[in-house]
Amino acid sequence: MSNDDHVVINVNLEIPGRTLERIVHTAKTIKGPDGRGHFRIDTAELVSHLISRFLRDGGFAEYAAEGRNYHGLLPPADI
């Protein structure tokens, strides 16, 4: 699938604080500090890229195609 087939959707996600701590720790370990000893990491952008990669590579399209995964997530239909 090319990037032309993708749509950017801004959403609010709930993730455990511990997971965010792990992301920051891992990013700091990999990137390291700059020349002044500061860490220059855009955490929000990094989380966005990590989740996008996970959804793309982790089979989200197939998950979203299964109707059973929508149970309890949609409001009841109007009568």
PDB file of N, CA and C in Angstrom:
ATOM      1  N   MET A   1       0.838  -1.171   0.000  1.00  0.00           N
ATOM      2  CA  MET A   1       0.000   0.000   0.000  1.00  0.00           C
ATOM      3  C   MET A   1       0.889   1.243   0.000  1.00  0.00           C
ATOM      4  N   SER A   2       0.643   2.167  -0.889  1.00  0.00           N
ATOM      5  CA  SER A   2       1.442   3.384  -0.947  1.00  0.00           C
ATOM      6  C   SER A   2       0.936   4.399   0.064  1.00  0.00           C
ATOM      7  N   ASN A   3       1.748   5.418   0.328  1.00  0.00           N
ATOM      8  CA  ASN A   3       1.328   6.471   1.250  1.00  0.00           C
ATOM      9  C   ASN A   3       0.120   7.227   0.736  1.00  0.00           C
ATOM     10  N   ASP A   4      -0.136   7.195  -0.572  1.00  0.00           N
ATOM     11  CA  ASP A   4      -1.304   7.864  -1.132  1.00  0.00           C
ATOM     12  C   ASP A   4      -2.594   7.240  -0.621  1.00  0.00           C
ATOM     13  N   ASP A   5      -2.531   6.007  -0.154  1.00  0.00           N
ATOM     14  CA  ASP A   5      -3.714   5.306   0.323  1.00  0.00           C
ATOM     15  C   ASP A   5      -3.972   5.541   1.806  1.00  0.00           C
ATOM     16  N   HIS A   6      -3.132   6.327   2.462  1.00  0.00           N
ATOM     17  CA  HIS A   6      -3.266   6.548   3.896  1.00  0.00           C
ATOM     18  C   HIS A   6      -3.953   7.869   4.181  1.00  0.00           C
ATOM     19  N   VAL A   7      -4.669   7.902   5.297  1.00  0.00           N
ATOM     20  CA  VAL A   7      -5.333   9.100   5.774  1.00  0.00           C
ATOM     21  C   VAL A   7      -4.815   9.376   7.176  1.00  0.00           C
ATOM     22  N   VAL A   8      -4.496  10.612   7.471  1.00  0.00           N
ATOM     23  CA  VAL A   8      -4.062  10.977   8.816  1.00  0.00           C
ATOM     24  C   VAL A   8      -5.299  11.303   9.640  1.00  0.00           C
ATOM     25  N   ILE A   9      -5.430  10.616  10.777  1.00  0.00           N
ATOM     26  CA  ILE A   9      -6.546  10.829  11.691  1.00  0.00           C
ATOM     27  C   ILE A   9      -5.969  11.193  13.049  1.00  0.00           C
ATOM     28  N   ASN A  10      -6.370  12.342  13.571  1.00  0.00           N
ATOM     29  CA  ASN A  10      -5.935  12.754  14.902  1.00  0.00           C
ATOM     30  C   ASN A  10      -6.941  12.232  15.918  1.00  0.00           C
ATOM     31  N   VAL A  11      -6.453  11.456  16.878  1.00  0.00           N
ATOM     32  CA  VAL A  11      -7.332  10.847  17.881  1.00  0.00           C
ATOM     33  C   VAL A  11      -6.726  11.010  19.266  1.00  0.00           C
ATOM     34  N   ASN A  12      -7.542  10.782  20.262  1.00  0.00           N
ATOM     35  CA  ASN A  12      -7.066  10.691  21.639  1.00  0.00           C
ATOM     36  C   ASN A  12      -6.987   9.217  21.993  1.00  0.00           C
ATOM     37  N   LEU A  13      -5.874   8.803  22.533  1.00  0.00           N
ATOM     38  CA  LEU A  13      -5.661   7.412  22.899  1.00  0.00           C
ATOM     39  C   LEU A  13      -5.375   7.312  24.389  1.00  0.00           C
ATOM     40  N   GLU A  14      -5.782   6.217  24.961  1.00  0.00           N
ATOM     41  CA  GLU A  14      -5.424   5.918  26.341  1.00  0.00           C
ATOM     42  C   GLU A  14      -4.344   4.850  26.323  1.00  0.00           C
ATOM     43  N   ILE A  15      -3.194   5.191  26.883  1.00  0.00           N
ATOM     44  CA  ILE A  15      -2.134   4.203  27.046  1.00  0.00           C
ATOM     45  C   ILE A  15      -1.657   4.303  28.486  1.00  0.00           C
ATOM     46  N   PRO A  16      -1.167   3.219  29.036  1.00  0.00           N
ATOM     47  CA  PRO A  16      -0.656   3.278  30.409  1.00  0.00           C
ATOM     48  C   PRO A  16       0.522   4.247  30.515  1.00  0.00           C
ATOM     49  N   GLY A  17       0.587   4.967  31.604  1.00  0.00           N
ATOM     50  CA  GLY A  17       1.698   5.873  31.843  1.00  0.00           C
ATOM     51  C   GLY A  17       3.028   5.154  31.793  1.00  0.00           C
ATOM     52  N   ARG A  18       3.043   3.934  32.260  1.00  0.00           N
ATOM     53  CA  ARG A  18       4.274   3.133  32.243  1.00  0.00           C
ATOM     54  C   ARG A  18       4.770   2.905  30.815  1.00  0.00           C
ATOM     55  N   THR A  19       3.822   2.739  29.885  1.00  0.00           N
ATOM     56  CA  THR A  19       4.197   2.558  28.485  1.00  0.00           C
ATOM     57  C   THR A  19       4.849   3.827  27.943  1.00  0.00           C
ATOM     58  N   LEU A  20       4.295   4.974  28.276  1.00  0.00           N
ATOM     59  CA  LEU A  20       4.885   6.238  27.838  1.00  0.00           C
ATOM     60  C   LEU A  20       6.276   6.424  28.442  1.00  0.00           C
ATOM     61  N   GLU A  21       6.419   6.071  29.710  1.00  0.00           N
ATOM     62  CA  GLU A  21       7.737   6.134  30.340  1.00  0.00           C
ATOM     63  C   GLU A  21       8.740   5.249  29.606  1.00  0.00           C
ATOM     64  N   ARG A  22       8.317   4.063  29.211  1.00  0.00           N
ATOM     65  CA  ARG A  22       9.191   3.125  28.503  1.00  0.00           C
ATOM     66  C   ARG A  22       9.589   3.690  27.143  1.00  0.00           C
ATOM     67  N   ILE A  23       8.635   4.317  26.441  1.00  0.00           N
ATOM     68  CA  ILE A  23       8.931   4.918  25.136  1.00  0.00           C
ATOM     69  C   ILE A  23       9.990   6.006  25.296  1.00  0.00           C
ATOM     70  N   VAL A  24       9.802   6.882  26.270  1.00  0.00           N
ATOM     71  CA  VAL A  24      10.758   7.978  26.491  1.00  0.00           C
ATOM     72  C   VAL A  24      12.126   7.413  26.868  1.00  0.00           C
ATOM     73  N   HIS A  25      12.148   6.447  27.768  1.00  0.00           N
ATOM     74  CA  HIS A  25      13.420   5.844  28.188  1.00  0.00           C
ATOM     75  C   HIS A  25      14.146   5.205  27.001  1.00  0.00           C
ATOM     76  N   THR A  26      13.416   4.443  26.211  1.00  0.00           N
ATOM     77  CA  THR A  26      14.019   3.764  25.057  1.00  0.00           C
ATOM     78  C   THR A  26      14.537   4.777  24.039  1.00  0.00           C
ATOM     79  N   ALA A  27      13.757   5.814  23.762  1.00  0.00           N
ATOM     80  CA  ALA A  27      14.181   6.832  22.805  1.00  0.00           C
ATOM     81  C   ALA A  27      15.434   7.549  23.286  1.00  0.00           C
ATOM     82  N   LYS A  28      15.480   7.884  24.572  1.00  0.00           N
ATOM     83  CA  LYS A  28      16.662   8.552  25.116  1.00  0.00           C
ATOM     84  C   LYS A  28      17.887   7.646  25.033  1.00  0.00           C
ATOM     85  N   THR A  29      17.696   6.368  25.298  1.00  0.00           N
ATOM     86  CA  THR A  29      18.800   5.415  25.240  1.00  0.00           C
ATOM     87  C   THR A  29      19.345   5.290  23.820  1.00  0.00           C
ATOM     88  N   ILE A  30      18.445   5.233  22.845  1.00  0.00           N
ATOM     89  CA  ILE A  30      18.858   5.071  21.451  1.00  0.00           C
ATOM     90  C   ILE A  30      19.471   6.347  20.895  1.00  0.00           C
ATOM     91  N   LYS A  31      18.820   7.473  21.114  1.00  0.00           N
ATOM     92  CA  LYS A  31      19.269   8.733  20.514  1.00  0.00           C
ATOM     93  C   LYS A  31      20.410   9.379  21.286  1.00  0.00           C
ATOM     94  N   GLY A  32      20.355   9.362  22.595  1.00  0.00           N
ATOM     95  CA  GLY A  32      21.386  10.002  23.397  1.00  0.00           C
ATOM     96  C   GLY A  32      21.212  11.513  23.432  1.00  0.00           C
ATOM     97  N   PRO A  33      21.964  12.165  24.288  1.00  0.00           N
ATOM     98  CA  PRO A  33      21.854  13.618  24.410  1.00  0.00           C
ATOM     99  C   PRO A  33      22.592  14.336  23.279  1.00  0.00           C
ATOM    100  N   ASP A  34      22.204  15.611  23.093  1.00  0.00           N
ATOM    101  CA  ASP A  34      22.919  16.422  22.116  1.00  0.00           C
ATOM    102  C   ASP A  34      24.218  16.937  22.737  1.00  0.00           C
ATOM    103  N   GLY A  35      24.911  17.813  22.049  1.00  0.00           N
ATOM    104  CA  GLY A  35      26.201  18.319  22.513  1.00  0.00           C
ATOM    105  C   GLY A  35      26.134  19.066  23.838  1.00  0.00           C
ATOM    106  N   ARG A  36      24.953  19.566  24.176  1.00  0.00           N
ATOM    107  CA  ARG A  36      24.788  20.300  25.435  1.00  0.00           C
ATOM    108  C   ARG A  36      24.224  19.412  26.544  1.00  0.00           C
ATOM    109  N   GLY A  37      24.058  18.141  26.242  1.00  0.00           N
ATOM    110  CA  GLY A  37      23.552  17.216  27.247  1.00  0.00           C
ATOM    111  C   GLY A  37      22.039  17.155  27.338  1.00  0.00           C
ATOM    112  N   HIS A  38      21.351  17.762  26.359  1.00  0.00           N
ATOM    113  CA  HIS A  38      19.892  17.770  26.353  1.00  0.00           C
ATOM    114  C   HIS A  38      19.359  16.698  25.403  1.00  0.00           C
ATOM    115  N   PHE A  39      18.223  16.176  25.749  1.00  0.00           N
ATOM    116  CA  PHE A  39      17.555  15.200  24.885  1.00  0.00           C
ATOM    117  C   PHE A  39      16.521  15.942  24.054  1.00  0.00           C
ATOM    118  N   ARG A  40      16.648  15.876  22.747  1.00  0.00           N
ATOM    119  CA  ARG A  40      15.726  16.552  21.830  1.00  0.00           C
ATOM    120  C   ARG A  40      14.857  15.501  21.134  1.00  0.00           C
ATOM    121  N   ILE A  41      13.779  15.135  21.791  1.00  0.00           N
ATOM    122  CA  ILE A  41      12.888  14.110  21.253  1.00  0.00           C
ATOM    123  C   ILE A  41      11.464  14.646  21.331  1.00  0.00           C
ATOM    124  N   ASP A  42      10.766  14.647  20.193  1.00  0.00           N
ATOM    125  CA  ASP A  42       9.353  15.015  20.167  1.00  0.00           C
ATOM    126  C   ASP A  42       8.563  13.757  20.508  1.00  0.00           C
ATOM    127  N   THR A  43       8.214  13.639  21.775  1.00  0.00           N
ATOM    128  CA  THR A  43       7.562  12.419  22.255  1.00  0.00           C
ATOM    129  C   THR A  43       6.232  12.171  21.561  1.00  0.00           C
ATOM    130  N   ALA A  44       5.433  13.210  21.378  1.00  0.00           N
ATOM    131  CA  ALA A  44       4.126  13.037  20.730  1.00  0.00           C
ATOM    132  C   ALA A  44       4.289  12.512  19.305  1.00  0.00           C
ATOM    133  N   GLU A  45       5.234  13.068  18.580  1.00  0.00           N
ATOM    134  CA  GLU A  45       5.462  12.611  17.212  1.00  0.00           C
ATOM    135  C   GLU A  45       5.987  11.175  17.197  1.00  0.00           C
ATOM    136  N   LEU A  46       6.876  10.857  18.124  1.00  0.00           N
ATOM    137  CA  LEU A  46       7.410   9.502  18.207  1.00  0.00           C
ATOM    138  C   LEU A  46       6.305   8.498  18.498  1.00  0.00           C
ATOM    139  N   VAL A  47       5.442   8.806  19.464  1.00  0.00           N
ATOM    140  CA  VAL A  47       4.323   7.901  19.791  1.00  0.00           C
ATOM    141  C   VAL A  47       3.426   7.742  18.575  1.00  0.00           C
ATOM    142  N   SER A  48       3.152   8.836  17.868  1.00  0.00           N
ATOM    143  CA  SER A  48       2.327   8.768  16.662  1.00  0.00           C
ATOM    144  C   SER A  48       2.929   7.818  15.631  1.00  0.00           C
ATOM    145  N   HIS A  49       4.230   7.937  15.407  1.00  0.00           N
ATOM    146  CA  HIS A  49       4.899   7.064  14.428  1.00  0.00           C
ATOM    147  C   HIS A  49       4.924   5.607  14.895  1.00  0.00           C
ATOM    148  N   LEU A  50       5.163   5.394  16.182  1.00  0.00           N
ATOM    149  CA  LEU A  50       5.169   4.026  16.703  1.00  0.00           C
ATOM    150  C   LEU A  50       3.807   3.361  16.542  1.00  0.00           C
ATOM    151  N   ILE A  51       2.759   4.088  16.907  1.00  0.00           N
ATOM    152  CA  ILE A  51       1.411   3.518  16.808  1.00  0.00           C
ATOM    153  C   ILE A  51       1.023   3.317  15.349  1.00  0.00           C
ATOM    154  N   SER A  52       1.367   4.263  14.485  1.00  0.00           N
ATOM    155  CA  SER A  52       1.057   4.100  13.055  1.00  0.00           C
ATOM    156  C   SER A  52       1.747   2.873  12.482  1.00  0.00           C
ATOM    157  N   ARG A  53       3.015   2.690  12.833  1.00  0.00           N
ATOM    158  CA  ARG A  53       3.748   1.516  12.343  1.00  0.00           C
ATOM    159  C   ARG A  53       3.120   0.230  12.884  1.00  0.00           C
ATOM    160  N   PHE A  54       2.768   0.243  14.166  1.00  0.00           N
ATOM    161  CA  PHE A  54       2.137  -0.924  14.764  1.00  0.00           C
ATOM    162  C   PHE A  54       0.816  -1.252  14.066  1.00  0.00           C
ATOM    163  N   LEU A  55       0.003  -0.240  13.798  1.00  0.00           N
ATOM    164  CA  LEU A  55      -1.283  -0.474  13.133  1.00  0.00           C
ATOM    165  C   LEU A  55      -1.079  -0.965  11.701  1.00  0.00           C
ATOM    166  N   ARG A  56      -0.113  -0.386  11.005  1.00  0.00           N
ATOM    167  CA  ARG A  56       0.145  -0.779   9.619  1.00  0.00           C
ATOM    168  C   ARG A  56       0.701  -2.197   9.541  1.00  0.00           C
ATOM    169  N   ASP A  57       1.684  -2.487  10.376  1.00  0.00           N
ATOM    170  CA  ASP A  57       2.370  -3.774  10.297  1.00  0.00           C
ATOM    171  C   ASP A  57       1.716  -4.858  11.143  1.00  0.00           C
ATOM    172  N   GLY A  58       0.870  -4.453  12.078  1.00  0.00           N
ATOM    173  CA  GLY A  58       0.294  -5.396  13.030  1.00  0.00           C
ATOM    174  C   GLY A  58      -1.053  -5.964  12.648  1.00  0.00           C
ATOM    175  N   GLY A  59      -1.519  -5.697  11.438  1.00  0.00           N
ATOM    176  CA  GLY A  59      -2.759  -6.306  10.992  1.00  0.00           C
ATOM    177  C   GLY A  59      -4.018  -5.556  11.388  1.00  0.00           C
ATOM    178  N   PHE A  60      -3.930  -4.241  11.599  1.00  0.00           N
ATOM    179  CA  PHE A  60      -5.110  -3.487  12.008  1.00  0.00           C
ATOM    180  C   PHE A  60      -6.215  -3.526  10.953  1.00  0.00           C
ATOM    181  N   ALA A  61      -5.856  -3.502   9.671  1.00  0.00           N
ATOM    182  CA  ALA A  61      -6.876  -3.535   8.613  1.00  0.00           C
ATOM    183  C   ALA A  61      -7.729  -4.789   8.732  1.00  0.00           C
ATOM    184  N   GLU A  62      -7.098  -5.911   8.994  1.00  0.00           N
ATOM    185  CA  GLU A  62      -7.838  -7.162   9.152  1.00  0.00           C
ATOM    186  C   GLU A  62      -8.686  -7.123  10.424  1.00  0.00           C
ATOM    187  N   TYR A  63      -8.135  -6.571  11.500  1.00  0.00           N
ATOM    188  CA  TYR A  63      -8.867  -6.445  12.759  1.00  0.00           C
ATOM    189  C   TYR A  63     -10.109  -5.575  12.556  1.00  0.00           C
ATOM    190  N   ALA A  64      -9.945  -4.452  11.858  1.00  0.00           N
ATOM    191  CA  ALA A  64     -11.064  -3.533  11.638  1.00  0.00           C
ATOM    192  C   ALA A  64     -12.125  -4.125  10.718  1.00  0.00           C
ATOM    193  N   ALA A  65     -11.757  -5.102   9.906  1.00  0.00           N
ATOM    194  CA  ALA A  65     -12.714  -5.724   8.993  1.00  0.00           C
ATOM    195  C   ALA A  65     -13.626  -6.727   9.693  1.00  0.00           C
ATOM    196  N   GLU A  66     -13.288  -7.124  10.901  1.00  0.00           N
ATOM    197  CA  GLU A  66     -14.076  -8.114  11.644  1.00  0.00           C
ATOM    198  C   GLU A  66     -15.162  -7.428  12.465  1.00  0.00           C
ATOM    199  N   GLY A  67     -16.412  -7.669  12.123  1.00  0.00           N
ATOM    200  CA  GLY A  67     -17.536  -7.054  12.812  1.00  0.00           C
ATOM    201  C   GLY A  67     -17.575  -7.326  14.306  1.00  0.00           C
ATOM    202  N   ARG A  68     -17.086  -8.478  14.724  1.00  0.00           N
ATOM    203  CA  ARG A  68     -17.126  -8.826  16.150  1.00  0.00           C
ATOM    204  C   ARG A  68     -16.295  -7.869  17.003  1.00  0.00           C
ATOM    205  N   ASN A  69     -15.330  -7.205  16.401  1.00  0.00           N
ATOM    206  CA  ASN A  69     -14.485  -6.284  17.147  1.00  0.00           C
ATOM    207  C   ASN A  69     -15.161  -4.953  17.455  1.00  0.00           C
ATOM    208  N   TYR A  70     -16.368  -4.747  16.938  1.00  0.00           N
ATOM    209  CA  TYR A  70     -17.098  -3.504  17.154  1.00  0.00           C
ATOM    210  C   TYR A  70     -18.099  -3.604  18.303  1.00  0.00           C
ATOM    211  N   HIS A  71     -18.335  -4.806  18.801  1.00  0.00           N
ATOM    212  CA  HIS A  71     -19.316  -5.007  19.872  1.00  0.00           C
ATOM    213  C   HIS A  71     -18.943  -4.193  21.109  1.00  0.00           C
ATOM    214  N   GLY A  72     -19.917  -3.444  21.604  1.00  0.00           N
ATOM    215  CA  GLY A  72     -19.720  -2.643  22.790  1.00  0.00           C
ATOM    216  C   GLY A  72     -19.058  -1.299  22.519  1.00  0.00           C
ATOM    217  N   LEU A  73     -18.717  -1.005  21.284  1.00  0.00           N
ATOM    218  CA  LEU A  73     -18.049   0.249  20.956  1.00  0.00           C
ATOM    219  C   LEU A  73     -18.957   1.277  20.300  1.00  0.00           C
ATOM    220  N   LEU A  74     -20.063   0.827  19.719  1.00  0.00           N
ATOM    221  CA  LEU A  74     -20.971   1.716  19.020  1.00  0.00           C
ATOM    222  C   LEU A  74     -22.205   1.985  19.878  1.00  0.00           C
ATOM    223  N   PRO A  75     -22.741   3.217  19.803  1.00  0.00           N
ATOM    224  CA  PRO A  75     -23.964   3.495  20.557  1.00  0.00           C
ATOM    225  C   PRO A  75     -25.122   2.710  19.954  1.00  0.00           C
ATOM    226  N   PRO A  76     -26.180   2.475  20.747  1.00  0.00           N
ATOM    227  CA  PRO A  76     -27.321   1.735  20.201  1.00  0.00           C
ATOM    228  C   PRO A  76     -27.976   2.532  19.069  1.00  0.00           C
ATOM    229  N   ALA A  77     -28.570   1.794  18.137  1.00  0.00           N
ATOM    230  CA  ALA A  77     -29.237   2.433  17.001  1.00  0.00           C
ATOM    231  C   ALA A  77     -30.490   3.165  17.479  1.00  0.00           C
ATOM    232  N   ASP A  78     -30.779   4.295  16.844  1.00  0.00           N
ATOM    233  CA  ASP A  78     -32.018   5.033  17.137  1.00  0.00           C
ATOM    234  C   ASP A  78     -33.200   4.242  16.619  1.00  0.00           C
ATOM    235  N   ILE A  79     -34.269   4.251  17.381  1.00  0.00           N
ATOM    236  CA  ILE A  79     -35.477   3.508  16.964  1.00  0.00           C
ATOM    237  C   ILE A  79     -36.534   4.481  16.519  1.00  0.00           C
TER     238      ILE A  79
END
